[in-house]
Amino acid sequence: MKPNVERGRRVAAWLGVVCLGLLPVSSLSAQEPKLRATLKGHTDAVVAVAFSPDSKTLASASYDGTLKLWNMTTRIEATRRQPCSESR
């Protein structure tokens, strides 16, 4: 198995743990989807995202091994996180 795939699975698992309690997610609007903002910060593909219940915070996980929290009011990263450590 490729190292990036294994790392992605670990990141997705951590995101699942972090996102517990963030559900239920409100239903999507029937309107046509449109780009509202581009959040820059990950250096590899984003593999998962989840909103907090109040929609003020977005969590994103990436193949770069990071989990980032975004303030959706300011559209900037809420906190800095170190890359996930490799398990040996």
PDB file of N, CA and C in Angstrom:
ATOM      1  N   MET A   1       0.847  -1.182   0.000  1.00  0.00           N
ATOM      2  CA  MET A   1       0.000   0.000   0.000  1.00  0.00           C
ATOM      3  C   MET A   1       0.887   1.236   0.000  1.00  0.00           C
ATOM      4  N   LYS A   2       0.516   2.232  -0.750  1.00  0.00           N
ATOM      5  CA  LYS A   2       1.293   3.460  -0.838  1.00  0.00           C
ATOM      6  C   LYS A   2       1.300   4.190   0.498  1.00  0.00           C
ATOM      7  N   PRO A   3       2.435   4.812   0.874  1.00  0.00           N
ATOM      8  CA  PRO A   3       2.490   5.555   2.137  1.00  0.00           C
ATOM      9  C   PRO A   3       1.454   6.668   2.216  1.00  0.00           C
ATOM     10  N   ASN A   4       1.187   7.366   1.098  1.00  0.00           N
ATOM     11  CA  ASN A   4       0.206   8.461   1.127  1.00  0.00           C
ATOM     12  C   ASN A   4      -1.195   7.960   1.404  1.00  0.00           C
ATOM     13  N   VAL A   5      -1.526   6.769   0.916  1.00  0.00           N
ATOM     14  CA  VAL A   5      -2.850   6.212   1.166  1.00  0.00           C
ATOM     15  C   VAL A   5      -3.002   5.884   2.645  1.00  0.00           C
ATOM     16  N   GLU A   6      -1.961   5.266   3.223  1.00  0.00           N
ATOM     17  CA  GLU A   6      -2.004   4.938   4.651  1.00  0.00           C
ATOM     18  C   GLU A   6      -2.093   6.209   5.491  1.00  0.00           C
ATOM     19  N   ARG A   7      -1.333   7.224   5.138  1.00  0.00           N
ATOM     20  CA  ARG A   7      -1.374   8.491   5.866  1.00  0.00           C
ATOM     21  C   ARG A   7      -2.762   9.116   5.735  1.00  0.00           C
ATOM     22  N   GLY A   8      -3.339   9.042   4.543  1.00  0.00           N
ATOM     23  CA  GLY A   8      -4.680   9.581   4.336  1.00  0.00           C
ATOM     24  C   GLY A   8      -5.708   8.891   5.205  1.00  0.00           C
ATOM     25  N   ARG A   9      -5.556   7.585   5.356  1.00  0.00           N
ATOM     26  CA  ARG A   9      -6.491   6.849   6.223  1.00  0.00           C
ATOM     27  C   ARG A   9      -6.348   7.283   7.670  1.00  0.00           C
ATOM     28  N   ARG A  10      -5.097   7.504   8.115  1.00  0.00           N
ATOM     29  CA  ARG A  10      -4.893   7.973   9.494  1.00  0.00           C
ATOM     30  C   ARG A  10      -5.498   9.356   9.689  1.00  0.00           C
ATOM     31  N   VAL A  11      -5.278  10.238   8.708  1.00  0.00           N
ATOM     32  CA  VAL A  11      -5.830  11.594   8.796  1.00  0.00           C
ATOM     33  C   VAL A  11      -7.348  11.533   8.829  1.00  0.00           C
ATOM     34  N   ALA A  12      -7.943  10.704   7.966  1.00  0.00           N
ATOM     35  CA  ALA A  12      -9.396  10.575   7.935  1.00  0.00           C
ATOM     36  C   ALA A  12      -9.911  10.032   9.264  1.00  0.00           C
ATOM     37  N   ALA A  13      -9.177   9.085   9.859  1.00  0.00           N
ATOM     38  CA  ALA A  13      -9.590   8.543  11.158  1.00  0.00           C
ATOM     39  C   ALA A  13      -9.546   9.631  12.227  1.00  0.00           C
ATOM     40  N   TRP A  14      -8.481  10.450  12.228  1.00  0.00           N
ATOM     41  CA  TRP A  14      -8.398  11.545  13.201  1.00  0.00           C
ATOM     42  C   TRP A  14      -9.510  12.556  12.991  1.00  0.00           C
ATOM     43  N   LEU A  15      -9.813  12.836  11.721  1.00  0.00           N
ATOM     44  CA  LEU A  15     -10.892  13.770  11.438  1.00  0.00           C
ATOM     45  C   LEU A  15     -12.207  13.223  11.969  1.00  0.00           C
ATOM     46  N   GLY A  16     -12.419  11.914  11.822  1.00  0.00           N
ATOM     47  CA  GLY A  16     -13.628  11.293  12.355  1.00  0.00           C
ATOM     48  C   GLY A  16     -13.727  11.465  13.859  1.00  0.00           C
ATOM     49  N   VAL A  17     -12.615  11.308  14.549  1.00  0.00           N
ATOM     50  CA  VAL A  17     -12.602  11.486  16.003  1.00  0.00           C
ATOM     51  C   VAL A  17     -12.891  12.933  16.361  1.00  0.00           C
ATOM     52  N   VAL A  18     -12.248  13.859  15.663  1.00  0.00           N
ATOM     53  CA  VAL A  18     -12.426  15.287  15.936  1.00  0.00           C
ATOM     54  C   VAL A  18     -13.859  15.720  15.661  1.00  0.00           C
ATOM     55  N   CYS A  19     -14.477  15.126  14.650  1.00  0.00           N
ATOM     56  CA  CYS A  19     -15.796  15.575  14.215  1.00  0.00           C
ATOM     57  C   CYS A  19     -16.950  14.928  14.978  1.00  0.00           C
ATOM     58  N   LEU A  20     -16.650  14.027  15.908  1.00  0.00           N
ATOM     59  CA  LEU A  20     -17.729  13.466  16.716  1.00  0.00           C
ATOM     60  C   LEU A  20     -18.464  14.600  17.417  1.00  0.00           C
ATOM     61  N   GLY A  21     -19.729  14.563  17.390  1.00  0.00           N
ATOM     62  CA  GLY A  21     -20.507  15.623  18.021  1.00  0.00           C
ATOM     63  C   GLY A  21     -20.818  16.782  17.096  1.00  0.00           C
ATOM     64  N   LEU A  22     -20.244  16.778  15.898  1.00  0.00           N
ATOM     65  CA  LEU A  22     -20.520  17.856  14.959  1.00  0.00           C
ATOM     66  C   LEU A  22     -21.774  17.585  14.137  1.00  0.00           C
ATOM     67  N   LEU A  23     -22.303  16.402  14.210  1.00  0.00           N
ATOM     68  CA  LEU A  23     -23.514  16.055  13.459  1.00  0.00           C
ATOM     69  C   LEU A  23     -24.727  16.305  14.329  1.00  0.00           C
ATOM     70  N   PRO A  24     -25.883  16.516  13.908  1.00  0.00           N
ATOM     71  CA  PRO A  24     -26.294  16.402  12.515  1.00  0.00           C
ATOM     72  C   PRO A  24     -25.956  17.659  11.728  1.00  0.00           C
ATOM     73  N   VAL A  25     -25.672  17.459  10.482  1.00  0.00           N
ATOM     74  CA  VAL A  25     -25.380  18.563   9.574  1.00  0.00           C
ATOM     75  C   VAL A  25     -26.697  19.041   8.985  1.00  0.00           C
ATOM     76  N   SER A  26     -26.855  20.342   8.903  1.00  0.00           N
ATOM     77  CA  SER A  26     -28.091  20.874   8.352  1.00  0.00           C
ATOM     78  C   SER A  26     -28.230  20.473   6.894  1.00  0.00           C
ATOM     79  N   SER A  27     -29.451  20.392   6.414  1.00  0.00           N
ATOM     80  CA  SER A  27     -29.678  19.969   5.039  1.00  0.00           C
ATOM     81  C   SER A  27     -29.143  21.007   4.058  1.00  0.00           C
ATOM     82  N   LEU A  28     -28.752  20.525   2.896  1.00  0.00           N
ATOM     83  CA  LEU A  28     -28.205  21.411   1.876  1.00  0.00           C
ATOM     84  C   LEU A  28     -29.306  22.235   1.232  1.00  0.00           C
ATOM     85  N   SER A  29     -28.952  23.390   0.783  1.00  0.00           N
ATOM     86  CA  SER A  29     -29.887  24.260   0.091  1.00  0.00           C
ATOM     87  C   SER A  29     -30.209  23.687  -1.283  1.00  0.00           C
ATOM     88  N   ALA A  30     -31.380  23.958  -1.774  1.00  0.00           N
ATOM     89  CA  ALA A  30     -31.783  23.494  -3.096  1.00  0.00           C
ATOM     90  C   ALA A  30     -31.214  24.385  -4.194  1.00  0.00           C
ATOM     91  N   GLN A  31     -30.525  25.451  -3.818  1.00  0.00           N
ATOM     92  CA  GLN A  31     -29.962  26.358  -4.807  1.00  0.00           C
ATOM     93  C   GLN A  31     -28.772  25.710  -5.509  1.00  0.00           C
ATOM     94  N   GLU A  32     -28.441  26.245  -6.660  1.00  0.00           N
ATOM     95  CA  GLU A  32     -27.274  25.781  -7.405  1.00  0.00           C
ATOM     96  C   GLU A  32     -26.018  26.064  -6.571  1.00  0.00           C
ATOM     97  N   PRO A  33     -25.132  25.068  -6.387  1.00  0.00           N
ATOM     98  CA  PRO A  33     -23.914  25.318  -5.605  1.00  0.00           C
ATOM     99  C   PRO A  33     -23.029  26.360  -6.287  1.00  0.00           C
ATOM    100  N   LYS A  34     -22.342  27.169  -5.476  1.00  0.00           N
ATOM    101  CA  LYS A  34     -21.427  28.165  -6.027  1.00  0.00           C
ATOM    102  C   LYS A  34     -20.236  28.327  -5.094  1.00  0.00           C
ATOM    103  N   LEU A  35     -19.091  28.651  -5.673  1.00  0.00           N
ATOM    104  CA  LEU A  35     -17.879  28.872  -4.905  1.00  0.00           C
ATOM    105  C   LEU A  35     -18.039  30.137  -4.076  1.00  0.00           C
ATOM    106  N   ARG A  36     -17.784  30.022  -2.780  1.00  0.00           N
ATOM    107  CA  ARG A  36     -17.903  31.183  -1.893  1.00  0.00           C
ATOM    108  C   ARG A  36     -16.551  31.669  -1.394  1.00  0.00           C
ATOM    109  N   ALA A  37     -15.610  30.744  -1.246  1.00  0.00           N
ATOM    110  CA  ALA A  37     -14.273  31.116  -0.782  1.00  0.00           C
ATOM    111  C   ALA A  37     -13.314  29.982  -1.088  1.00  0.00           C
ATOM    112  N   THR A  38     -12.045  30.317  -1.213  1.00  0.00           N
ATOM    113  CA  THR A  38     -10.987  29.326  -1.349  1.00  0.00           C
ATOM    114  C   THR A  38     -10.109  29.442  -0.117  1.00  0.00           C
ATOM    115  N   LEU A  39     -10.026  28.371   0.636  1.00  0.00           N
ATOM    116  CA  LEU A  39      -9.221  28.354   1.851  1.00  0.00           C
ATOM    117  C   LEU A  39      -7.868  27.754   1.507  1.00  0.00           C
ATOM    118  N   LYS A  40      -6.809  28.534   1.639  1.00  0.00           N
ATOM    119  CA  LYS A  40      -5.472  28.075   1.280  1.00  0.00           C
ATOM    120  C   LYS A  40      -4.680  27.752   2.526  1.00  0.00           C
ATOM    121  N   GLY A  41      -3.983  26.617   2.509  1.00  0.00           N
ATOM    122  CA  GLY A  41      -3.164  26.250   3.656  1.00  0.00           C
ATOM    123  C   GLY A  41      -2.619  24.845   3.572  1.00  0.00           C
ATOM    124  N   HIS A  42      -3.370  23.903   3.019  1.00  0.00           N
ATOM    125  CA  HIS A  42      -2.870  22.542   2.878  1.00  0.00           C
ATOM    126  C   HIS A  42      -1.911  22.477   1.696  1.00  0.00           C
ATOM    127  N   THR A  43      -0.928  21.574   1.784  1.00  0.00           N
ATOM    128  CA  THR A  43       0.047  21.422   0.708  1.00  0.00           C
ATOM    129  C   THR A  43      -0.204  20.178  -0.133  1.00  0.00           C
ATOM    130  N   ASP A  44      -1.286  19.444   0.163  1.00  0.00           N
ATOM    131  CA  ASP A  44      -1.659  18.266  -0.617  1.00  0.00           C
ATOM    132  C   ASP A  44      -3.185  18.201  -0.651  1.00  0.00           C
ATOM    133  N   ALA A  45      -3.714  17.206  -1.307  1.00  0.00           N
ATOM    134  CA  ALA A  45      -5.162  17.096  -1.500  1.00  0.00           C
ATOM    135  C   ALA A  45      -5.915  17.022  -0.167  1.00  0.00           C
ATOM    136  N   VAL A  46      -7.034  17.728  -0.102  1.00  0.00           N
ATOM    137  CA  VAL A  46      -7.931  17.656   1.055  1.00  0.00           C
ATOM    138  C   VAL A  46      -8.811  16.430   0.867  1.00  0.00           C
ATOM    139  N   VAL A  47      -8.886  15.593   1.911  1.00  0.00           N
ATOM    140  CA  VAL A  47      -9.623  14.334   1.791  1.00  0.00           C
ATOM    141  C   VAL A  47     -10.928  14.322   2.577  1.00  0.00           C
ATOM    142  N   ALA A  48     -11.115  15.284   3.492  1.00  0.00           N
ATOM    143  CA  ALA A  48     -12.355  15.312   4.271  1.00  0.00           C
ATOM    144  C   ALA A  48     -12.567  16.703   4.859  1.00  0.00           C
ATOM    145  N   VAL A  49     -13.834  17.092   4.979  1.00  0.00           N
ATOM    146  CA  VAL A  49     -14.204  18.349   5.618  1.00  0.00           C
ATOM    147  C   VAL A  49     -15.463  18.137   6.454  1.00  0.00           C
ATOM    148  N   ALA A  50     -15.627  18.948   7.496  1.00  0.00           N
ATOM    149  CA  ALA A  50     -16.837  18.891   8.323  1.00  0.00           C
ATOM    150  C   ALA A  50     -17.047  20.248   8.985  1.00  0.00           C
ATOM    151  N   PHE A  51     -18.310  20.670   9.060  1.00  0.00           N
ATOM    152  CA  PHE A  51     -18.672  21.917   9.720  1.00  0.00           C
ATOM    153  C   PHE A  51     -19.097  21.654  11.155  1.00  0.00           C
ATOM    154  N   SER A  52     -18.867  22.631  12.033  1.00  0.00           N
ATOM    155  CA  SER A  52     -19.398  22.584  13.388  1.00  0.00           C
ATOM    156  C   SER A  52     -20.907  22.819  13.312  1.00  0.00           C
ATOM    157  N   PRO A  53     -21.668  22.455  14.357  1.00  0.00           N
ATOM    158  CA  PRO A  53     -23.117  22.631  14.310  1.00  0.00           C
ATOM    159  C   PRO A  53     -23.564  24.071  14.053  1.00  0.00           C
ATOM    160  N   ASP A  54     -22.800  25.054  14.523  1.00  0.00           N
ATOM    161  CA  ASP A  54     -23.175  26.451  14.309  1.00  0.00           C
ATOM    162  C   ASP A  54     -22.623  27.007  12.992  1.00  0.00           C
ATOM    163  N   SER A  55     -21.936  26.190  12.209  1.00  0.00           N
ATOM    164  CA  SER A  55     -21.355  26.552  10.909  1.00  0.00           C
ATOM    165  C   SER A  55     -20.300  27.654  11.002  1.00  0.00           C
ATOM    166  N   LYS A  56     -19.772  27.902  12.188  1.00  0.00           N
ATOM    167  CA  LYS A  56     -18.750  28.929  12.343  1.00  0.00           C
ATOM    168  C   LYS A  56     -17.334  28.396  12.162  1.00  0.00           C
ATOM    169  N   THR A  57     -17.168  27.060  12.249  1.00  0.00           N
ATOM    170  CA  THR A  57     -15.856  26.446  12.126  1.00  0.00           C
ATOM    171  C   THR A  57     -15.919  25.294  11.137  1.00  0.00           C
ATOM    172  N   LEU A  58     -14.894  25.186  10.312  1.00  0.00           N
ATOM    173  CA  LEU A  58     -14.757  24.086   9.362  1.00  0.00           C
ATOM    174  C   LEU A  58     -13.479  23.342   9.713  1.00  0.00           C
ATOM    175  N   ALA A  59     -13.542  22.015   9.772  1.00  0.00           N
ATOM    176  CA  ALA A  59     -12.355  21.178   9.957  1.00  0.00           C
ATOM    177  C   ALA A  59     -12.023  20.554   8.609  1.00  0.00           C
ATOM    178  N   SER A  60     -10.740  20.561   8.243  1.00  0.00           N
ATOM    179  CA  SER A  60     -10.315  19.936   6.990  1.00  0.00           C
ATOM    180  C   SER A  60      -9.099  19.059   7.256  1.00  0.00           C
ATOM    181  N   ALA A  61      -9.081  17.888   6.605  1.00  0.00           N
ATOM    182  CA  ALA A  61      -7.962  16.953   6.725  1.00  0.00           C
ATOM    183  C   ALA A  61      -7.369  16.753   5.343  1.00  0.00           C
ATOM    184  N   SER A  62      -6.049  16.614   5.297  1.00  0.00           N
ATOM    185  CA  SER A  62      -5.355  16.553   4.014  1.00  0.00           C
ATOM    186  C   SER A  62      -4.356  15.411   3.991  1.00  0.00           C
ATOM    187  N   TYR A  63      -3.997  14.986   2.768  1.00  0.00           N
ATOM    188  CA  TYR A  63      -2.933  14.011   2.593  1.00  0.00           C
ATOM    189  C   TYR A  63      -1.592  14.558   3.059  1.00  0.00           C
ATOM    190  N   ASP A  64      -1.487  15.864   3.306  1.00  0.00           N
ATOM    191  CA  ASP A  64      -0.228  16.404   3.820  1.00  0.00           C
ATOM    192  C   ASP A  64      -0.045  16.079   5.303  1.00  0.00           C
ATOM    193  N   GLY A  65      -1.011  15.376   5.904  1.00  0.00           N
ATOM    194  CA  GLY A  65      -0.890  14.941   7.293  1.00  0.00           C
ATOM    195  C   GLY A  65      -1.371  15.952   8.301  1.00  0.00           C
ATOM    196  N   THR A  66      -2.060  16.996   7.859  1.00  0.00           N
ATOM    197  CA  THR A  66      -2.529  18.018   8.792  1.00  0.00           C
ATOM    198  C   THR A  66      -4.049  18.044   8.878  1.00  0.00           C
ATOM    199  N   LEU A  67      -4.502  18.488  10.008  1.00  0.00           N
ATOM    200  CA  LEU A  67      -5.908  18.772  10.258  1.00  0.00           C
ATOM    201  C   LEU A  67      -5.968  20.251  10.573  1.00  0.00           C
ATOM    202  N   LYS A  68      -6.772  20.997   9.850  1.00  0.00           N
ATOM    203  CA  LYS A  68      -6.850  22.444  10.063  1.00  0.00           C
ATOM    204  C   LYS A  68      -8.274  22.833  10.436  1.00  0.00           C
ATOM    205  N   LEU A  69      -8.373  23.820  11.301  1.00  0.00           N
ATOM    206  CA  LEU A  69      -9.653  24.397  11.685  1.00  0.00           C
ATOM    207  C   LEU A  69      -9.717  25.798  11.093  1.00  0.00           C
ATOM    208  N   TRP A  70     -10.854  26.107  10.473  1.00  0.00           N
ATOM    209  CA  TRP A  70     -11.023  27.381   9.786  1.00  0.00           C
ATOM    210  C   TRP A  70     -12.170  28.170  10.406  1.00  0.00           C
ATOM    211  N   ASN A  71     -11.943  29.452  10.666  1.00  0.00           N
ATOM    212  CA  ASN A  71     -12.987  30.355  11.128  1.00  0.00           C
ATOM    213  C   ASN A  71     -13.769  30.782   9.892  1.00  0.00           C
ATOM    214  N   MET A  72     -15.030  30.414   9.795  1.00  0.00           N
ATOM    215  CA  MET A  72     -15.796  30.683   8.586  1.00  0.00           C
ATOM    216  C   MET A  72     -16.293  32.128   8.520  1.00  0.00           C
ATOM    217  N   THR A  73     -16.188  32.866   9.605  1.00  0.00           N
ATOM    218  CA  THR A  73     -16.538  34.288   9.572  1.00  0.00           C
ATOM    219  C   THR A  73     -15.427  35.080   8.891  1.00  0.00           C
ATOM    220  N   THR A  74     -14.174  34.798   9.289  1.00  0.00           N
ATOM    221  CA  THR A  74     -13.027  35.515   8.730  1.00  0.00           C
ATOM    222  C   THR A  74     -12.403  34.788   7.541  1.00  0.00           C
ATOM    223  N   ARG A  75     -12.748  33.499   7.367  1.00  0.00           N
ATOM    224  CA  ARG A  75     -12.209  32.646   6.296  1.00  0.00           C
ATOM    225  C   ARG A  75     -10.692  32.446   6.403  1.00  0.00           C
ATOM    226  N   ILE A  76     -10.167  32.477   7.649  1.00  0.00           N
ATOM    227  CA  ILE A  76      -8.746  32.193   7.853  1.00  0.00           C
ATOM    228  C   ILE A  76      -8.613  31.023   8.814  1.00  0.00           C
ATOM    229  N   GLU A  77      -7.420  30.454   8.827  1.00  0.00           N
ATOM    230  CA  GLU A  77      -7.175  29.306   9.688  1.00  0.00           C
ATOM    231  C   GLU A  77      -7.324  29.724  11.147  1.00  0.00           C
ATOM    232  N   ALA A  78      -8.123  28.955  11.902  1.00  0.00           N
ATOM    233  CA  ALA A  78      -8.407  29.299  13.290  1.00  0.00           C
ATOM    234  C   ALA A  78      -7.237  28.954  14.201  1.00  0.00           C
ATOM    235  N   THR A  79      -6.602  27.817  13.984  1.00  0.00           N
ATOM    236  CA  THR A  79      -5.475  27.392  14.809  1.00  0.00           C
ATOM    237  C   THR A  79      -4.474  26.661  13.946  1.00  0.00           C
ATOM    238  N   ARG A  80      -3.249  26.725  14.336  1.00  0.00           N
ATOM    239  CA  ARG A  80      -2.190  26.001  13.623  1.00  0.00           C
ATOM    240  C   ARG A  80      -2.041  24.624  14.255  1.00  0.00           C
ATOM    241  N   ARG A  81      -1.879  23.603  13.437  1.00  0.00           N
ATOM    242  CA  ARG A  81      -1.685  22.239  13.899  1.00  0.00           C
ATOM    243  C   ARG A  81      -0.418  21.682  13.272  1.00  0.00           C
ATOM    244  N   GLN A  82       0.312  20.897  14.033  1.00  0.00           N
ATOM    245  CA  GLN A  82       1.500  20.226  13.519  1.00  0.00           C
ATOM    246  C   GLN A  82       1.063  19.023  12.694  1.00  0.00           C
ATOM    247  N   PRO A  83       1.891  18.611  11.710  1.00  0.00           N
ATOM    248  CA  PRO A  83       1.548  17.419  10.945  1.00  0.00           C
ATOM    249  C   PRO A  83       1.386  16.214  11.860  1.00  0.00           C
ATOM    250  N   CYS A  84       0.528  15.292  11.469  1.00  0.00           N
ATOM    251  CA  CYS A  84       0.331  14.056  12.238  1.00  0.00           C
ATOM    252  C   CYS A  84       1.638  13.285  12.265  1.00  0.00           C
ATOM    253  N   SER A  85       2.004  12.730  13.420  1.00  0.00           N
ATOM    254  CA  SER A  85       3.237  11.969  13.510  1.00  0.00           C
ATOM    255  C   SER A  85       3.059  10.607  12.873  1.00  0.00           C
ATOM    256  N   GLU A  86       4.134  10.110  12.302  1.00  0.00           N
ATOM    257  CA  GLU A  86       4.107   8.787  11.683  1.00  0.00           C
ATOM    258  C   GLU A  86       4.172   7.749  12.789  1.00  0.00           C
ATOM    259  N   SER A  87       3.301   6.733  12.732  1.00  0.00           N
ATOM    260  CA  SER A  87       3.360   5.654  13.713  1.00  0.00           C
ATOM    261  C   SER A  87       4.367   4.613  13.228  1.00  0.00           C
ATOM    262  N   ARG A  88       5.146   4.116  14.086  1.00  0.00           N
ATOM    263  CA  ARG A  88       6.190   3.143  13.733  1.00  0.00           C
ATOM    264  C   ARG A  88       5.928   1.837  14.409  1.00  0.00           C
TER     265      ARG A  88
END
